[in-house]
Amino acid sequence: MNRRAFLAAGAGFAAVGAMAGCTDGSGRTVIIPRGTRLIILRHADREGDHLTALGRQRAKALVGALKDEKIDAIYYPGIRRNYDTAAPLAEARDLPMHRITEEHPAARLMQVGAGRSIVWVGNKGNLHSIWKDLGAPGEAPLEYGDLFIVTRGKAGVPVVSRRYFGP
């Protein structure tokens, strides 16, 4: 293969990779596996490190907001307010909560959640990171009560269903 053909082939592979996901900060590509549903939200309303009364009500409302959704696992970044937001859902579904503490958790979430329906209760920093690393369209779910469901569309491009939950 001559050099020009080799470079053209490389550019084609790069374009396909860009459509299927993007880097997770480490140079790897993060692709949503087939059959994976990522239910993603920011922790509930807080003051300091703890949920407010409204935040505790919102955390309880999450149970009803996801009553018709299949959930296989719940993940959070190891921060108390995230844990407290997910706890009512975990209790209602009799599911354990799993900590993922990586700075860029998208790759790990897609690995452990492959082919499953998983919940990530995050915060602004890791939600931005996940959104960017998956190449998801629009803004990440950064407001209290944002509840987004991310699935794999054609050619691996993320598809987002946007919802809201709260008291």
C-alpha atoms as a PDB file:
ATOM      1  CA  MET A   1       0.000   0.000   0.000  1.00  0.00           C
ATOM      2  CA  ASN A   2       1.461   3.371  -0.877  1.00  0.00           C
ATOM      3  CA  ARG A   3       1.745   6.159   1.706  1.00  0.00           C
ATOM      4  CA  ARG A   4      -1.213   8.197   0.369  1.00  0.00           C
ATOM      5  CA  ALA A   5      -3.562   5.174   0.446  1.00  0.00           C
ATOM      6  CA  PHE A   6      -2.347   4.288   3.948  1.00  0.00           C
ATOM      7  CA  LEU A   7      -3.059   7.818   5.232  1.00  0.00           C
ATOM      8  CA  ALA A   8      -6.516   7.832   3.605  1.00  0.00           C
ATOM      9  CA  ALA A   9      -7.358   4.492   5.218  1.00  0.00           C
ATOM     10  CA  GLY A  10      -6.203   5.818   8.601  1.00  0.00           C
ATOM     11  CA  ALA A  11      -8.397   8.903   8.231  1.00  0.00           C
ATOM     12  CA  GLY A  12     -11.386   6.672   7.464  1.00  0.00           C
ATOM     13  CA  PHE A  13     -10.797   4.587  10.595  1.00  0.00           C
ATOM     14  CA  ALA A  14     -10.475   7.780  12.662  1.00  0.00           C
ATOM     15  CA  ALA A  15     -13.811   9.058  11.323  1.00  0.00           C
ATOM     16  CA  VAL A  16     -15.552   5.798  12.240  1.00  0.00           C
ATOM     17  CA  GLY A  17     -14.044   5.967  15.719  1.00  0.00           C
ATOM     18  CA  ALA A  18     -15.248   9.543  16.182  1.00  0.00           C
ATOM     19  CA  MET A  19     -18.811   8.501  15.333  1.00  0.00           C
ATOM     20  CA  ALA A  20     -18.777   5.612  17.809  1.00  0.00           C
ATOM     21  CA  GLY A  21     -17.507   7.512  20.855  1.00  0.00           C
ATOM     22  CA  CYS A  22     -14.619   9.664  21.943  1.00  0.00           C
ATOM     23  CA  THR A  23     -11.712   9.522  24.319  1.00  0.00           C
ATOM     24  CA  ASP A  24     -12.144   9.168  28.056  1.00  0.00           C
ATOM     25  CA  GLY A  25      -9.193  11.367  28.913  1.00  0.00           C
ATOM     26  CA  SER A  26      -6.748   8.480  28.665  1.00  0.00           C
ATOM     27  CA  GLY A  27      -6.809   8.200  24.875  1.00  0.00           C
ATOM     28  CA  ARG A  28      -9.232   5.249  24.819  1.00  0.00           C
ATOM     29  CA  THR A  29     -12.563   5.331  22.961  1.00  0.00           C
ATOM     30  CA  VAL A  30     -15.751   5.060  25.022  1.00  0.00           C
ATOM     31  CA  ILE A  31     -18.517   3.306  23.121  1.00  0.00           C
ATOM     32  CA  ILE A  32     -21.953   2.506  24.478  1.00  0.00           C
ATOM     33  CA  PRO A  33     -22.294  -1.280  24.146  1.00  0.00           C
ATOM     34  CA  ARG A  34     -25.369  -2.665  22.403  1.00  0.00           C
ATOM     35  CA  GLY A  35     -28.287  -3.148  24.769  1.00  0.00           C
ATOM     36  CA  THR A  36     -26.893  -0.780  27.392  1.00  0.00           C
ATOM     37  CA  ARG A  37     -29.119   1.861  28.998  1.00  0.00           C
ATOM     38  CA  LEU A  38     -27.445   4.506  31.125  1.00  0.00           C
ATOM     39  CA  ILE A  39     -29.887   6.330  33.384  1.00  0.00           C
ATOM     40  CA  ILE A  40     -27.935   9.362  34.485  1.00  0.00           C
ATOM     41  CA  LEU A  41     -28.702  12.184  36.899  1.00  0.00           C
ATOM     42  CA  ARG A  42     -27.148  14.704  39.243  1.00  0.00           C
ATOM     43  CA  HIS A  43     -27.465  14.206  42.991  1.00  0.00           C
ATOM     44  CA  ALA A  44     -30.453  15.899  44.599  1.00  0.00           C
ATOM     45  CA  ASP A  45     -30.527  19.430  46.047  1.00  0.00           C
ATOM     46  CA  ARG A  46     -27.828  20.042  48.622  1.00  0.00           C
ATOM     47  CA  GLU A  47     -26.315  22.493  51.028  1.00  0.00           C
ATOM     48  CA  GLY A  48     -22.670  21.773  51.667  1.00  0.00           C
ATOM     49  CA  ASP A  49     -22.066  18.028  51.696  1.00  0.00           C
ATOM     50  CA  HIS A  50     -25.615  17.044  52.672  1.00  0.00           C
ATOM     51  CA  LEU A  51     -28.997  16.934  50.966  1.00  0.00           C
ATOM     52  CA  THR A  52     -31.502  19.587  51.944  1.00  0.00           C
ATOM     53  CA  ALA A  53     -35.078  18.709  52.921  1.00  0.00           C
ATOM     54  CA  LEU A  54     -36.026  19.321  49.266  1.00  0.00           C
ATOM     55  CA  GLY A  55     -33.133  17.094  48.204  1.00  0.00           C
ATOM     56  CA  ARG A  56     -34.341  14.247  50.412  1.00  0.00           C
ATOM     57  CA  GLN A  57     -37.842  14.637  48.912  1.00  0.00           C
ATOM     58  CA  ARG A  58     -36.358  14.598  45.410  1.00  0.00           C
ATOM     59  CA  ALA A  59     -34.354  11.444  46.215  1.00  0.00           C
ATOM     60  CA  LYS A  60     -37.582   9.735  47.295  1.00  0.00           C
ATOM     61  CA  ALA A  61     -39.298  10.984  44.113  1.00  0.00           C
ATOM     62  CA  LEU A  62     -36.618   9.226  42.044  1.00  0.00           C
ATOM     63  CA  VAL A  63     -38.149   5.890  43.054  1.00  0.00           C
ATOM     64  CA  GLY A  64     -41.473   6.820  41.426  1.00  0.00           C
ATOM     65  CA  ALA A  65     -39.822   8.422  38.408  1.00  0.00           C
ATOM     66  CA  LEU A  66     -38.080   5.134  37.598  1.00  0.00           C
ATOM     67  CA  LYS A  67     -40.888   2.757  38.613  1.00  0.00           C
ATOM     68  CA  ASP A  68     -41.361   1.492  35.049  1.00  0.00           C
ATOM     69  CA  GLU A  69     -37.648   1.253  34.233  1.00  0.00           C
ATOM     70  CA  LYS A  70     -35.636  -1.938  34.478  1.00  0.00           C
ATOM     71  CA  ILE A  71     -32.575  -1.327  36.640  1.00  0.00           C
ATOM     72  CA  ASP A  72     -29.761  -3.841  37.015  1.00  0.00           C
ATOM     73  CA  ALA A  73     -27.281  -1.784  39.039  1.00  0.00           C
ATOM     74  CA  ILE A  74     -26.720   1.610  40.678  1.00  0.00           C
ATOM     75  CA  TYR A  75     -23.378   3.453  40.635  1.00  0.00           C
ATOM     76  CA  TYR A  76     -22.111   6.640  42.275  1.00  0.00           C
ATOM     77  CA  PRO A  77     -18.731   8.382  42.685  1.00  0.00           C
ATOM     78  CA  GLY A  78     -18.262   7.782  46.414  1.00  0.00           C
ATOM     79  CA  ILE A  79     -19.630  11.147  47.565  1.00  0.00           C
ATOM     80  CA  ARG A  80     -22.164  11.215  50.405  1.00  0.00           C
ATOM     81  CA  ARG A  81     -24.776  13.406  48.649  1.00  0.00           C
ATOM     82  CA  ASN A  82     -24.732  11.064  45.641  1.00  0.00           C
ATOM     83  CA  TYR A  83     -25.120   8.036  47.900  1.00  0.00           C
ATOM     84  CA  ASP A  84     -28.001   9.702  49.761  1.00  0.00           C
ATOM     85  CA  THR A  85     -29.744  10.486  46.466  1.00  0.00           C
ATOM     86  CA  ALA A  86     -29.500   6.886  45.252  1.00  0.00           C
ATOM     87  CA  ALA A  87     -30.261   5.194  48.595  1.00  0.00           C
ATOM     88  CA  PRO A  88     -34.104   5.290  48.406  1.00  0.00           C
ATOM     89  CA  LEU A  89     -33.986   3.784  44.894  1.00  0.00           C
ATOM     90  CA  ALA A  90     -31.525   1.096  45.974  1.00  0.00           C
ATOM     91  CA  GLU A  91     -33.674   0.223  48.962  1.00  0.00           C
ATOM     92  CA  ALA A  92     -36.901   0.117  46.928  1.00  0.00           C
ATOM     93  CA  ARG A  93     -35.282  -2.150  44.308  1.00  0.00           C
ATOM     94  CA  ASP A  94     -33.218  -4.190  46.776  1.00  0.00           C
ATOM     95  CA  LEU A  95     -30.056  -3.345  44.811  1.00  0.00           C
ATOM     96  CA  PRO A  96     -26.583  -2.659  46.170  1.00  0.00           C
ATOM     97  CA  MET A  97     -24.839   0.591  45.249  1.00  0.00           C
ATOM     98  CA  HIS A  98     -21.385   0.448  43.706  1.00  0.00           C
ATOM     99  CA  ARG A  99     -18.694   3.127  43.926  1.00  0.00           C
ATOM    100  CA  ILE A 100     -16.682   4.145  40.887  1.00  0.00           C
ATOM    101  CA  THR A 101     -14.089   6.732  41.826  1.00  0.00           C
ATOM    102  CA  GLU A 102     -12.207   7.216  38.550  1.00  0.00           C
ATOM    103  CA  GLU A 103     -11.862  10.809  37.371  1.00  0.00           C
ATOM    104  CA  HIS A 104     -13.313   9.777  33.983  1.00  0.00           C
ATOM    105  CA  PRO A 105     -15.873   7.059  34.865  1.00  0.00           C
ATOM    106  CA  ALA A 106     -17.475   6.608  31.403  1.00  0.00           C
ATOM    107  CA  ALA A 107     -15.227   3.728  30.314  1.00  0.00           C
ATOM    108  CA  ARG A 108     -15.723   1.859  33.578  1.00  0.00           C
ATOM    109  CA  LEU A 109     -19.489   2.419  33.492  1.00  0.00           C
ATOM    110  CA  MET A 110     -19.712   1.037  29.968  1.00  0.00           C
ATOM    111  CA  GLN A 111     -17.589  -1.954  30.972  1.00  0.00           C
ATOM    112  CA  VAL A 112     -19.607  -2.911  34.066  1.00  0.00           C
ATOM    113  CA  GLY A 113     -22.918  -1.915  32.502  1.00  0.00           C
ATOM    114  CA  ALA A 114     -22.526  -3.590  29.112  1.00  0.00           C
ATOM    115  CA  GLY A 115     -25.897  -4.917  27.956  1.00  0.00           C
ATOM    116  CA  ARG A 116     -27.566  -3.831  31.189  1.00  0.00           C
ATOM    117  CA  SER A 117     -29.679  -0.956  32.479  1.00  0.00           C
ATOM    118  CA  ILE A 118     -27.640   1.036  34.988  1.00  0.00           C
ATOM    119  CA  VAL A 119     -28.088   4.216  37.015  1.00  0.00           C
ATOM    120  CA  TRP A 120     -25.305   6.770  37.586  1.00  0.00           C
ATOM    121  CA  VAL A 121     -25.926   9.390  40.270  1.00  0.00           C
ATOM    122  CA  GLY A 122     -23.171  11.908  39.629  1.00  0.00           C
ATOM    123  CA  ASN A 123     -22.131  15.493  40.163  1.00  0.00           C
ATOM    124  CA  LYS A 124     -21.312  18.332  37.776  1.00  0.00           C
ATOM    125  CA  GLY A 125     -17.678  17.353  37.192  1.00  0.00           C
ATOM    126  CA  ASN A 126     -18.164  13.681  36.391  1.00  0.00           C
ATOM    127  CA  LEU A 127     -21.405  14.315  34.505  1.00  0.00           C
ATOM    128  CA  HIS A 128     -19.547  16.709  32.177  1.00  0.00           C
ATOM    129  CA  SER A 129     -16.794  14.115  31.802  1.00  0.00           C
ATOM    130  CA  ILE A 130     -19.164  11.238  31.004  1.00  0.00           C
ATOM    131  CA  TRP A 131     -21.128  13.377  28.533  1.00  0.00           C
ATOM    132  CA  LYS A 132     -17.986  14.400  26.681  1.00  0.00           C
ATOM    133  CA  ASP A 133     -16.425  10.936  26.750  1.00  0.00           C
ATOM    134  CA  LEU A 134     -19.570   9.307  25.330  1.00  0.00           C
ATOM    135  CA  GLY A 135     -20.035  12.056  22.747  1.00  0.00           C
ATOM    136  CA  ALA A 136     -23.615  12.553  23.940  1.00  0.00           C
ATOM    137  CA  PRO A 137     -25.579  15.382  22.283  1.00  0.00           C
ATOM    138  CA  GLY A 138     -26.684  18.553  24.050  1.00  0.00           C
ATOM    139  CA  GLU A 139     -26.022  19.459  27.630  1.00  0.00           C
ATOM    140  CA  ALA A 140     -25.307  16.963  30.406  1.00  0.00           C
ATOM    141  CA  PRO A 141     -27.964  16.508  33.140  1.00  0.00           C
ATOM    142  CA  LEU A 142     -26.610  19.214  35.455  1.00  0.00           C
ATOM    143  CA  GLU A 143     -29.777  20.607  37.039  1.00  0.00           C
ATOM    144  CA  TYR A 144     -31.445  19.098  40.084  1.00  0.00           C
ATOM    145  CA  GLY A 145     -34.214  16.864  38.761  1.00  0.00           C
ATOM    146  CA  ASP A 146     -32.682  16.240  35.313  1.00  0.00           C
ATOM    147  CA  LEU A 147     -33.014  12.546  34.491  1.00  0.00           C
ATOM    148  CA  PHE A 148     -31.611  11.390  31.163  1.00  0.00           C
ATOM    149  CA  ILE A 149     -31.568   7.950  29.581  1.00  0.00           C
ATOM    150  CA  VAL A 150     -28.710   7.326  27.164  1.00  0.00           C
ATOM    151  CA  THR A 151     -28.710   4.427  24.704  1.00  0.00           C
ATOM    152  CA  ARG A 152     -26.713   3.451  21.648  1.00  0.00           C
ATOM    153  CA  GLY A 153     -28.116   4.674  18.343  1.00  0.00           C
ATOM    154  CA  LYS A 154     -27.021   3.969  14.782  1.00  0.00           C
ATOM    155  CA  ALA A 155     -23.266   3.702  14.296  1.00  0.00           C
ATOM    156  CA  GLY A 156     -22.847   3.868  18.075  1.00  0.00           C
ATOM    157  CA  VAL A 157     -23.948   7.499  18.342  1.00  0.00           C
ATOM    158  CA  PRO A 158     -25.625   8.145  21.733  1.00  0.00           C
ATOM    159  CA  VAL A 159     -29.379   8.800  21.809  1.00  0.00           C
ATOM    160  CA  VAL A 160     -30.718  10.752  24.785  1.00  0.00           C
ATOM    161  CA  SER A 161     -34.222  10.754  26.260  1.00  0.00           C
ATOM    162  CA  ARG A 162     -34.614  13.734  28.615  1.00  0.00           C
ATOM    163  CA  ARG A 163     -36.916  13.679  31.621  1.00  0.00           C
ATOM    164  CA  TYR A 164     -37.390  15.483  34.911  1.00  0.00           C
ATOM    165  CA  PHE A 165     -38.172  14.226  38.410  1.00  0.00           C
ATOM    166  CA  GLY A 166     -38.864  15.887  41.703  1.00  0.00           C
ATOM    167  CA  PRO A 167     -41.207  16.514  44.562  1.00  0.00           C
END
